[in-house]
Amino acid sequence: MKLAVRALSVCCLAVLLGAAPAQDKKSEKKKPKDDPINAAFAIPKKITLDAKQQAKLEELKKEYTPKLKELYEKLEKILTPEKVKAADAARKVAAAEGKKKKEQKEVYEQALKLTDEEKAQRKEILSALEKLRGEILTKKLDMLTEEQKEALKPKSKKPTDK
């Protein structure tokens, strides 16, 4: 009996130790995708920037990163990790119940439990973020060549005449 308990303990320990590094790898992979500031300056992989364009992109980052950080810090004060976690859980429950996207969004908003003042601040911050992202996008597009801009356009399927 003691041997069985020891064997089971060793197996459980091995599983726990093996799972911990796997969780670390998953969290590392999520970080670049979840970084909205770097995402604002991202260029599609199919576009290769020359040195001059790369320098312009770095200038954009220097100009806009502090502004973006400030807005995201303000937003994080309103949407605390605890509030977001609770709202995400509520949305998942709503999704499991088969509710539509609109209803899930309503459940999420209610679960955030924001005051009217916080809602107004959030709206203001989000609109400022949208404006900044628009400026960044415009400046990124302005620095691209016509060929690079053409590569960004979605390829439309032309209907064939019969």
Protein backbone atom coordinates (compact mmCIF):
# COMPACT_ATOMS: atom_id res chain seq x y z
CA MET A 1 0.00 0.00 0.00
CA LYS A 2 2.84 2.40 0.86
CA LEU A 3 4.44 1.65 -2.49
CA ALA A 4 1.23 2.55 -4.33
CA VAL A 5 0.93 5.85 -2.44
CA ARG A 6 4.56 6.72 -3.21
CA ALA A 7 4.17 5.84 -6.88
CA LEU A 8 1.02 7.94 -7.10
CA SER A 9 2.76 10.85 -5.34
CA VAL A 10 5.71 10.68 -7.73
CA CYS A 11 3.38 10.64 -10.73
CA CYS A 12 1.41 13.64 -9.44
CA LEU A 13 4.61 15.55 -8.78
CA ALA A 14 5.91 14.77 -12.26
CA VAL A 15 2.67 15.98 -13.84
CA LEU A 16 2.69 19.20 -11.82
CA LEU A 17 6.31 19.94 -12.62
CA GLY A 18 5.73 19.23 -16.29
CA ALA A 19 2.66 21.47 -16.45
CA ALA A 20 4.33 24.53 -14.89
CA PRO A 21 6.79 25.18 -17.76
CA ALA A 22 4.00 24.66 -20.29
CA GLN A 23 1.95 27.39 -18.61
CA ASP A 24 4.94 29.75 -18.70
CA LYS A 25 5.31 29.22 -22.45
CA LYS A 26 1.63 29.93 -23.06
CA SER A 27 1.73 33.19 -21.13
CA GLU A 28 4.88 34.29 -22.98
CA LYS A 29 3.19 33.73 -26.34
CA LYS A 30 0.18 35.85 -25.36
CA LYS A 31 2.14 38.93 -24.32
CA PRO A 32 3.13 40.26 -27.78
CA LYS A 33 -0.39 39.85 -29.13
CA ASP A 34 -1.91 41.52 -26.08
CA ASP A 35 0.30 44.60 -26.30
CA PRO A 36 -1.96 47.22 -27.89
CA ILE A 37 0.79 49.82 -28.03
CA ASN A 38 3.10 47.73 -30.23
CA ALA A 39 0.08 46.60 -32.25
CA ALA A 40 -0.58 50.22 -33.20
CA PHE A 41 2.82 50.35 -34.94
CA ALA A 42 2.72 46.89 -36.51
CA ILE A 43 3.38 46.52 -40.22
CA PRO A 44 2.12 43.40 -42.05
CA LYS A 45 4.79 40.78 -42.72
CA LYS A 46 4.28 41.05 -46.47
CA ILE A 47 5.58 44.65 -46.33
CA THR A 48 9.33 45.18 -46.06
CA LEU A 49 10.40 48.62 -44.92
CA ASP A 50 13.62 50.23 -46.13
CA ALA A 51 15.96 52.02 -43.70
CA LYS A 52 14.32 55.42 -44.23
CA GLN A 53 10.84 54.01 -43.61
CA GLN A 54 12.07 52.12 -40.56
CA ALA A 55 13.50 55.39 -39.18
CA LYS A 56 10.15 57.11 -39.75
CA LEU A 57 8.38 54.29 -37.94
CA GLU A 58 10.76 54.67 -34.98
CA GLU A 59 9.99 58.40 -34.92
CA LEU A 60 6.28 57.59 -34.85
CA LYS A 61 6.87 55.25 -31.92
CA LYS A 62 8.81 57.92 -30.02
CA GLU A 63 6.08 60.47 -30.67
CA TYR A 64 3.01 58.36 -29.90
CA THR A 65 4.09 55.70 -27.38
CA PRO A 66 3.99 58.06 -24.36
CA LYS A 67 0.52 59.29 -25.35
CA LEU A 68 -0.77 55.74 -25.81
CA LYS A 69 0.75 54.58 -22.51
CA GLU A 70 -0.89 57.45 -20.66
CA LEU A 71 -4.31 56.63 -22.08
CA TYR A 72 -3.97 52.90 -21.39
CA GLU A 73 -2.89 53.64 -17.80
CA LYS A 74 -5.98 55.82 -17.32
CA LEU A 75 -8.14 53.07 -18.79
CA GLU A 76 -6.57 50.46 -16.50
CA LYS A 77 -7.48 52.57 -13.46
CA ILE A 78 -11.12 52.34 -14.50
CA LEU A 79 -11.09 48.78 -15.79
CA THR A 80 -9.19 47.04 -13.03
CA PRO A 81 -8.03 43.46 -13.63
CA GLU A 82 -10.57 42.25 -11.05
CA LYS A 83 -13.47 43.97 -12.83
CA VAL A 84 -12.35 42.69 -16.23
CA LYS A 85 -11.92 39.14 -14.91
CA ALA A 86 -15.42 39.16 -13.39
CA ALA A 87 -16.92 40.59 -16.57
CA ASP A 88 -15.12 38.02 -18.73
CA ALA A 89 -16.47 35.23 -16.53
CA ALA A 90 -20.00 36.64 -16.83
CA ARG A 91 -19.65 36.86 -20.61
CA LYS A 92 -18.45 33.25 -20.81
CA VAL A 93 -21.46 32.12 -18.81
CA ALA A 94 -23.74 34.08 -21.14
CA ALA A 95 -22.05 32.49 -24.16
CA ALA A 96 -22.45 29.03 -22.64
CA GLU A 97 -26.14 29.79 -22.18
CA GLY A 98 -26.36 30.44 -25.91
CA LYS A 99 -26.88 34.19 -25.73
CA LYS A 100 -26.06 36.25 -28.80
CA LYS A 101 -23.07 38.60 -29.05
CA LYS A 102 -25.15 41.69 -28.27
CA GLU A 103 -26.56 40.09 -25.12
CA GLN A 104 -23.08 38.90 -24.12
CA LYS A 105 -21.81 42.47 -24.45
CA GLU A 106 -24.65 43.74 -22.25
CA VAL A 107 -23.85 41.12 -19.61
CA TYR A 108 -20.18 42.10 -19.79
CA GLU A 109 -20.98 45.80 -19.35
CA GLN A 110 -23.27 45.12 -16.39
CA ALA A 111 -20.67 42.89 -14.73
CA LEU A 112 -18.06 45.67 -14.94
CA LYS A 113 -20.20 47.66 -12.48
CA LEU A 114 -18.93 51.05 -13.63
CA THR A 115 -20.33 54.27 -12.22
CA ASP A 116 -21.76 56.86 -14.62
CA GLU A 117 -18.61 58.93 -14.15
CA GLU A 118 -16.39 55.92 -14.95
CA LYS A 119 -18.48 55.15 -18.02
CA ALA A 120 -18.02 58.73 -19.25
CA GLN A 121 -14.28 58.61 -18.59
CA ARG A 122 -14.00 55.28 -20.37
CA LYS A 123 -15.88 56.61 -23.39
CA GLU A 124 -13.62 59.67 -23.52
CA ILE A 125 -10.44 57.57 -23.24
CA LEU A 126 -11.59 55.12 -25.91
CA SER A 127 -12.41 57.91 -28.33
CA ALA A 128 -8.99 59.50 -27.70
CA LEU A 129 -7.34 56.12 -28.32
CA GLU A 130 -9.29 55.69 -31.53
CA LYS A 131 -8.21 59.14 -32.70
CA LEU A 132 -4.54 58.41 -31.91
CA ARG A 133 -4.66 55.05 -33.69
CA GLY A 134 -6.18 56.79 -36.71
CA GLU A 135 -3.37 59.35 -36.76
CA ILE A 136 -0.76 56.59 -36.47
CA LEU A 137 -2.38 54.60 -39.28
CA THR A 138 -2.51 57.66 -41.54
CA LYS A 139 1.16 58.41 -40.92
CA LYS A 140 2.13 54.77 -41.46
CA LEU A 141 0.29 54.73 -44.79
CA ASP A 142 1.86 58.04 -45.84
CA MET A 143 5.36 56.60 -45.45
CA LEU A 144 4.65 53.57 -47.68
CA THR A 145 5.36 53.44 -51.40
CA GLU A 146 2.53 52.91 -53.89
CA GLU A 147 3.63 49.28 -54.41
CA GLN A 148 3.52 48.66 -50.66
CA LYS A 149 0.07 50.24 -50.42
CA GLU A 150 -1.11 48.08 -53.31
CA ALA A 151 0.12 44.96 -51.50
CA LEU A 152 -2.08 45.91 -48.53
CA LYS A 153 -5.27 46.05 -50.58
CA PRO A 154 -7.37 42.90 -50.42
CA LYS A 155 -7.43 40.97 -53.63
CA SER A 156 -10.98 41.12 -54.92
CA LYS A 157 -12.45 38.25 -56.83
CA LYS A 158 -13.68 39.49 -60.17
CA PRO A 159 -16.82 37.80 -61.42
CA THR A 160 -16.32 35.97 -64.66
CA ASP A 161 -18.73 36.59 -67.51
CA LYS A 162 -20.25 33.52 -69.09
